[in-house]
Amino acid sequence: MAEDLVEINMGNFKEEVLSSKIPVLVDFWAEWCMPCRMIAPIIAELSKDYKGKVKIAKVDVDNNAELATELQILSIPVLILFRNGREIARITGANPKTYIQKEIETALKK
Protein backbone atom coordinates (compact mmCIF):
# COMPACT_ATOMS: atom_id res chain seq x y z
CA MET A 1 0.00 0.00 0.00
CA ALA A 2 1.27 3.49 -0.82
CA GLU A 3 2.65 5.41 2.15
CA ASP A 4 0.05 8.18 1.77
CA LEU A 5 -2.85 5.75 2.15
CA VAL A 6 -4.31 5.13 5.60
CA GLU A 7 -5.54 1.62 6.48
CA ILE A 8 -8.90 1.93 8.25
CA ASN A 9 -10.53 -0.56 10.62
CA MET A 10 -13.19 -0.44 13.36
CA GLY A 11 -10.55 0.64 15.87
CA ASN A 12 -9.41 3.77 14.04
CA PHE A 13 -12.45 4.69 11.90
CA LYS A 14 -13.75 7.36 14.28
CA GLU A 15 -10.35 9.01 14.74
CA GLU A 16 -9.09 8.78 11.14
CA VAL A 17 -12.37 9.41 9.30
CA LEU A 18 -15.14 10.88 11.42
CA SER A 19 -12.86 13.20 13.44
CA SER A 20 -10.58 14.17 10.55
CA LYS A 21 -10.01 17.90 10.08
CA ILE A 22 -9.88 17.41 6.29
CA PRO A 23 -12.25 15.41 4.04
CA VAL A 24 -11.54 11.67 3.78
CA LEU A 25 -12.09 9.47 0.73
CA VAL A 26 -12.45 5.85 1.86
CA ASP A 27 -11.96 3.02 -0.63
CA PHE A 28 -13.86 -0.14 0.35
CA TRP A 29 -12.17 -3.08 -1.36
CA ALA A 30 -11.16 -6.76 -1.10
CA GLU A 31 -8.13 -8.67 -2.36
CA TRP A 32 -10.27 -11.02 -4.49
CA CYS A 33 -12.16 -8.14 -6.18
CA MET A 34 -10.72 -7.58 -9.66
CA PRO A 35 -12.38 -4.15 -10.21
CA CYS A 36 -10.95 -3.09 -6.82
CA ARG A 37 -7.49 -4.12 -7.96
CA MET A 38 -7.99 -2.24 -11.23
CA ILE A 39 -8.64 1.07 -9.45
CA ALA A 40 -5.92 0.61 -6.80
CA PRO A 41 -3.33 2.55 -8.86
CA ILE A 42 -5.89 5.36 -9.33
CA ILE A 43 -6.48 5.52 -5.58
CA ALA A 44 -2.70 5.72 -5.03
CA GLU A 45 -2.48 8.58 -7.56
CA LEU A 46 -5.36 10.42 -5.87
CA SER A 47 -3.53 10.21 -2.54
CA LYS A 48 -0.68 12.18 -4.13
CA ASP A 49 -2.95 14.57 -6.09
CA TYR A 50 -4.98 15.52 -3.01
CA LYS A 51 -2.20 15.35 -0.39
CA GLY A 52 -3.01 17.78 2.41
CA LYS A 53 -6.50 18.47 0.99
CA VAL A 54 -8.22 15.08 1.15
CA LYS A 55 -7.05 12.09 3.17
CA ILE A 56 -7.23 8.86 1.17
CA ALA A 57 -7.96 5.68 3.13
CA LYS A 58 -8.72 2.03 2.45
CA VAL A 59 -10.94 -0.52 4.18
CA ASP A 60 -10.53 -4.22 3.42
CA VAL A 61 -14.14 -5.39 3.71
CA ASP A 62 -13.12 -9.00 4.38
CA ASN A 63 -11.21 -7.93 7.50
CA ASN A 64 -13.74 -5.26 8.50
CA ALA A 65 -17.14 -6.79 7.76
CA GLU A 66 -18.78 -5.04 10.72
CA LEU A 67 -17.73 -1.61 9.44
CA ALA A 68 -18.82 -2.47 5.88
CA THR A 69 -22.23 -3.59 7.17
CA GLU A 70 -22.62 -0.48 9.34
CA LEU A 71 -21.96 1.74 6.29
CA GLN A 72 -24.24 -0.37 4.07
CA ILE A 73 -21.53 -1.45 1.64
CA LEU A 74 -23.47 -3.79 -0.65
CA SER A 75 -20.95 -4.12 -3.48
CA ILE A 76 -17.32 -3.18 -4.05
CA PRO A 77 -15.43 -1.18 -5.01
CA VAL A 78 -17.15 1.74 -3.30
CA LEU A 79 -15.56 5.09 -2.53
CA ILE A 80 -17.18 7.19 0.21
CA LEU A 81 -16.19 10.80 0.77
CA PHE A 82 -16.62 12.04 4.34
CA ARG A 83 -16.43 15.63 5.57
CA ASN A 84 -16.97 16.73 9.17
CA GLY A 85 -17.88 13.16 10.11
CA ARG A 86 -20.63 12.83 7.50
CA GLU A 87 -20.89 11.06 4.16
CA ILE A 88 -21.09 13.64 1.37
CA ALA A 89 -20.59 11.40 -1.69
CA ARG A 90 -20.59 7.73 -2.66
CA ILE A 91 -19.01 6.45 -5.89
CA THR A 92 -19.76 2.85 -6.80
CA GLY A 93 -17.80 0.71 -9.24
CA ALA A 94 -14.48 0.87 -11.05
CA ASN A 95 -14.56 4.33 -12.60
CA PRO A 96 -11.85 6.26 -14.46
CA LYS A 97 -9.72 8.73 -12.53
CA THR A 98 -11.31 11.73 -14.26
CA TYR A 99 -14.79 10.64 -13.14
CA ILE A 100 -13.67 10.10 -9.54
CA GLN A 101 -11.92 13.50 -9.49
CA LYS A 102 -15.04 15.20 -10.85
CA GLU A 103 -17.19 13.56 -8.17
CA ILE A 104 -14.74 14.59 -5.43
CA GLU A 105 -14.56 18.19 -6.67
CA THR A 106 -18.36 18.43 -6.99
CA ALA A 107 -18.91 17.04 -3.49
CA LEU A 108 -16.31 19.35 -1.94
CA LYS A 109 -18.09 22.40 -3.38
CA LYS A 110 -21.35 21.51 -1.59
C-alpha atoms as a PDB file:
ATOM      1  CA  MET A   1       0.000   0.000   0.000  1.00  0.00           C
ATOM      2  CA  ALA A   2       1.274   3.488  -0.821  1.00  0.00           C
ATOM      3  CA  GLU A   3       2.647   5.407   2.154  1.00  0.00           C
ATOM      4  CA  ASP A   4       0.049   8.185   1.773  1.00  0.00           C
ATOM      5  CA  LEU A   5      -2.851   5.749   2.148  1.00  0.00           C
ATOM      6  CA  VAL A   6      -4.312   5.126   5.600  1.00  0.00           C
ATOM      7  CA  GLU A   7      -5.537   1.623   6.477  1.00  0.00           C
ATOM      8  CA  ILE A   8      -8.905   1.933   8.252  1.00  0.00           C
ATOM      9  CA  ASN A   9     -10.534  -0.558  10.623  1.00  0.00           C
ATOM     10  CA  MET A  10     -13.189  -0.440  13.358  1.00  0.00           C
ATOM     11  CA  GLY A  11     -10.554   0.635  15.865  1.00  0.00           C
ATOM     12  CA  ASN A  12      -9.409   3.769  14.038  1.00  0.00           C
ATOM     13  CA  PHE A  13     -12.449   4.690  11.900  1.00  0.00           C
ATOM     14  CA  LYS A  14     -13.747   7.364  14.285  1.00  0.00           C
ATOM     15  CA  GLU A  15     -10.349   9.005  14.743  1.00  0.00           C
ATOM     16  CA  GLU A  16      -9.091   8.776  11.144  1.00  0.00           C
ATOM     17  CA  VAL A  17     -12.368   9.405   9.297  1.00  0.00           C
ATOM     18  CA  LEU A  18     -15.138  10.878  11.424  1.00  0.00           C
ATOM     19  CA  SER A  19     -12.863  13.201  13.444  1.00  0.00           C
ATOM     20  CA  SER A  20     -10.576  14.175  10.550  1.00  0.00           C
ATOM     21  CA  LYS A  21     -10.014  17.901  10.077  1.00  0.00           C
ATOM     22  CA  ILE A  22      -9.885  17.413   6.292  1.00  0.00           C
ATOM     23  CA  PRO A  23     -12.248  15.415   4.039  1.00  0.00           C
ATOM     24  CA  VAL A  24     -11.541  11.672   3.784  1.00  0.00           C
ATOM     25  CA  LEU A  25     -12.093   9.473   0.725  1.00  0.00           C
ATOM     26  CA  VAL A  26     -12.454   5.854   1.864  1.00  0.00           C
ATOM     27  CA  ASP A  27     -11.959   3.023  -0.633  1.00  0.00           C
ATOM     28  CA  PHE A  28     -13.859  -0.138   0.350  1.00  0.00           C
ATOM     29  CA  TRP A  29     -12.171  -3.082  -1.364  1.00  0.00           C
ATOM     30  CA  ALA A  30     -11.160  -6.758  -1.105  1.00  0.00           C
ATOM     31  CA  GLU A  31      -8.130  -8.667  -2.364  1.00  0.00           C
ATOM     32  CA  TRP A  32     -10.275 -11.023  -4.493  1.00  0.00           C
ATOM     33  CA  CYS A  33     -12.162  -8.140  -6.182  1.00  0.00           C
ATOM     34  CA  MET A  34     -10.723  -7.582  -9.660  1.00  0.00           C
ATOM     35  CA  PRO A  35     -12.376  -4.148 -10.210  1.00  0.00           C
ATOM     36  CA  CYS A  36     -10.946  -3.093  -6.820  1.00  0.00           C
ATOM     37  CA  ARG A  37      -7.487  -4.121  -7.958  1.00  0.00           C
ATOM     38  CA  MET A  38      -7.991  -2.237 -11.232  1.00  0.00           C
ATOM     39  CA  ILE A  39      -8.639   1.073  -9.454  1.00  0.00           C
ATOM     40  CA  ALA A  40      -5.918   0.610  -6.797  1.00  0.00           C
ATOM     41  CA  PRO A  41      -3.330   2.555  -8.860  1.00  0.00           C
ATOM     42  CA  ILE A  42      -5.889   5.364  -9.334  1.00  0.00           C
ATOM     43  CA  ILE A  43      -6.477   5.520  -5.578  1.00  0.00           C
ATOM     44  CA  ALA A  44      -2.702   5.721  -5.027  1.00  0.00           C
ATOM     45  CA  GLU A  45      -2.483   8.581  -7.557  1.00  0.00           C
ATOM     46  CA  LEU A  46      -5.360  10.418  -5.873  1.00  0.00           C
ATOM     47  CA  SER A  47      -3.529  10.211  -2.543  1.00  0.00           C
ATOM     48  CA  LYS A  48      -0.682  12.181  -4.130  1.00  0.00           C
ATOM     49  CA  ASP A  49      -2.949  14.565  -6.092  1.00  0.00           C
ATOM     50  CA  TYR A  50      -4.984  15.522  -3.010  1.00  0.00           C
ATOM     51  CA  LYS A  51      -2.199  15.354  -0.394  1.00  0.00           C
ATOM     52  CA  GLY A  52      -3.013  17.783   2.405  1.00  0.00           C
ATOM     53  CA  LYS A  53      -6.502  18.471   0.989  1.00  0.00           C
ATOM     54  CA  VAL A  54      -8.219  15.076   1.145  1.00  0.00           C
ATOM     55  CA  LYS A  55      -7.046  12.089   3.168  1.00  0.00           C
ATOM     56  CA  ILE A  56      -7.232   8.858   1.172  1.00  0.00           C
ATOM     57  CA  ALA A  57      -7.958   5.683   3.133  1.00  0.00           C
ATOM     58  CA  LYS A  58      -8.718   2.031   2.453  1.00  0.00           C
ATOM     59  CA  VAL A  59     -10.944  -0.521   4.181  1.00  0.00           C
ATOM     60  CA  ASP A  60     -10.529  -4.224   3.418  1.00  0.00           C
ATOM     61  CA  VAL A  61     -14.144  -5.392   3.711  1.00  0.00           C
ATOM     62  CA  ASP A  62     -13.117  -8.999   4.381  1.00  0.00           C
ATOM     63  CA  ASN A  63     -11.210  -7.935   7.504  1.00  0.00           C
ATOM     64  CA  ASN A  64     -13.740  -5.259   8.500  1.00  0.00           C
ATOM     65  CA  ALA A  65     -17.139  -6.788   7.759  1.00  0.00           C
ATOM     66  CA  GLU A  66     -18.783  -5.035  10.721  1.00  0.00           C
ATOM     67  CA  LEU A  67     -17.730  -1.609   9.436  1.00  0.00           C
ATOM     68  CA  ALA A  68     -18.822  -2.470   5.882  1.00  0.00           C
ATOM     69  CA  THR A  69     -22.230  -3.587   7.174  1.00  0.00           C
ATOM     70  CA  GLU A  70     -22.616  -0.478   9.338  1.00  0.00           C
ATOM     71  CA  LEU A  71     -21.959   1.738   6.292  1.00  0.00           C
ATOM     72  CA  GLN A  72     -24.245  -0.370   4.070  1.00  0.00           C
ATOM     73  CA  ILE A  73     -21.532  -1.447   1.641  1.00  0.00           C
ATOM     74  CA  LEU A  74     -23.466  -3.787  -0.648  1.00  0.00           C
ATOM     75  CA  SER A  75     -20.948  -4.116  -3.477  1.00  0.00           C
ATOM     76  CA  ILE A  76     -17.322  -3.178  -4.054  1.00  0.00           C
ATOM     77  CA  PRO A  77     -15.432  -1.180  -5.013  1.00  0.00           C
ATOM     78  CA  VAL A  78     -17.149   1.740  -3.300  1.00  0.00           C
ATOM     79  CA  LEU A  79     -15.556   5.090  -2.529  1.00  0.00           C
ATOM     80  CA  ILE A  80     -17.179   7.189   0.205  1.00  0.00           C
ATOM     81  CA  LEU A  81     -16.195  10.800   0.770  1.00  0.00           C
ATOM     82  CA  PHE A  82     -16.619  12.035   4.344  1.00  0.00           C
ATOM     83  CA  ARG A  83     -16.425  15.626   5.566  1.00  0.00           C
ATOM     84  CA  ASN A  84     -16.970  16.728   9.169  1.00  0.00           C
ATOM     85  CA  GLY A  85     -17.881  13.159  10.108  1.00  0.00           C
ATOM     86  CA  ARG A  86     -20.634  12.834   7.498  1.00  0.00           C
ATOM     87  CA  GLU A  87     -20.891  11.056   4.161  1.00  0.00           C
ATOM     88  CA  ILE A  88     -21.089  13.637   1.367  1.00  0.00           C
ATOM     89  CA  ALA A  89     -20.594  11.399  -1.690  1.00  0.00           C
ATOM     90  CA  ARG A  90     -20.593   7.726  -2.663  1.00  0.00           C
ATOM     91  CA  ILE A  91     -19.007   6.453  -5.888  1.00  0.00           C
ATOM     92  CA  THR A  92     -19.763   2.847  -6.800  1.00  0.00           C
ATOM     93  CA  GLY A  93     -17.796   0.711  -9.236  1.00  0.00           C
ATOM     94  CA  ALA A  94     -14.477   0.872 -11.046  1.00  0.00           C
ATOM     95  CA  ASN A  95     -14.556   4.328 -12.597  1.00  0.00           C
ATOM     96  CA  PRO A  96     -11.854   6.264 -14.462  1.00  0.00           C
ATOM     97  CA  LYS A  97      -9.722   8.731 -12.527  1.00  0.00           C
ATOM     98  CA  THR A  98     -11.312  11.734 -14.258  1.00  0.00           C
ATOM     99  CA  TYR A  99     -14.789  10.644 -13.141  1.00  0.00           C
ATOM    100  CA  ILE A 100     -13.666  10.101  -9.539  1.00  0.00           C
ATOM    101  CA  GLN A 101     -11.918  13.497  -9.493  1.00  0.00           C
ATOM    102  CA  LYS A 102     -15.042  15.204 -10.852  1.00  0.00           C
ATOM    103  CA  GLU A 103     -17.187  13.558  -8.171  1.00  0.00           C
ATOM    104  CA  ILE A 104     -14.741  14.587  -5.429  1.00  0.00           C
ATOM    105  CA  GLU A 105     -14.565  18.185  -6.666  1.00  0.00           C
ATOM    106  CA  THR A 106     -18.359  18.435  -6.988  1.00  0.00           C
ATOM    107  CA  ALA A 107     -18.906  17.043  -3.486  1.00  0.00           C
ATOM    108  CA  LEU A 108     -16.310  19.348  -1.940  1.00  0.00           C
ATOM    109  CA  LYS A 109     -18.089  22.398  -3.382  1.00  0.00           C
ATOM    110  CA  LYS A 110     -21.351  21.513  -1.588  1.00  0.00           C
END
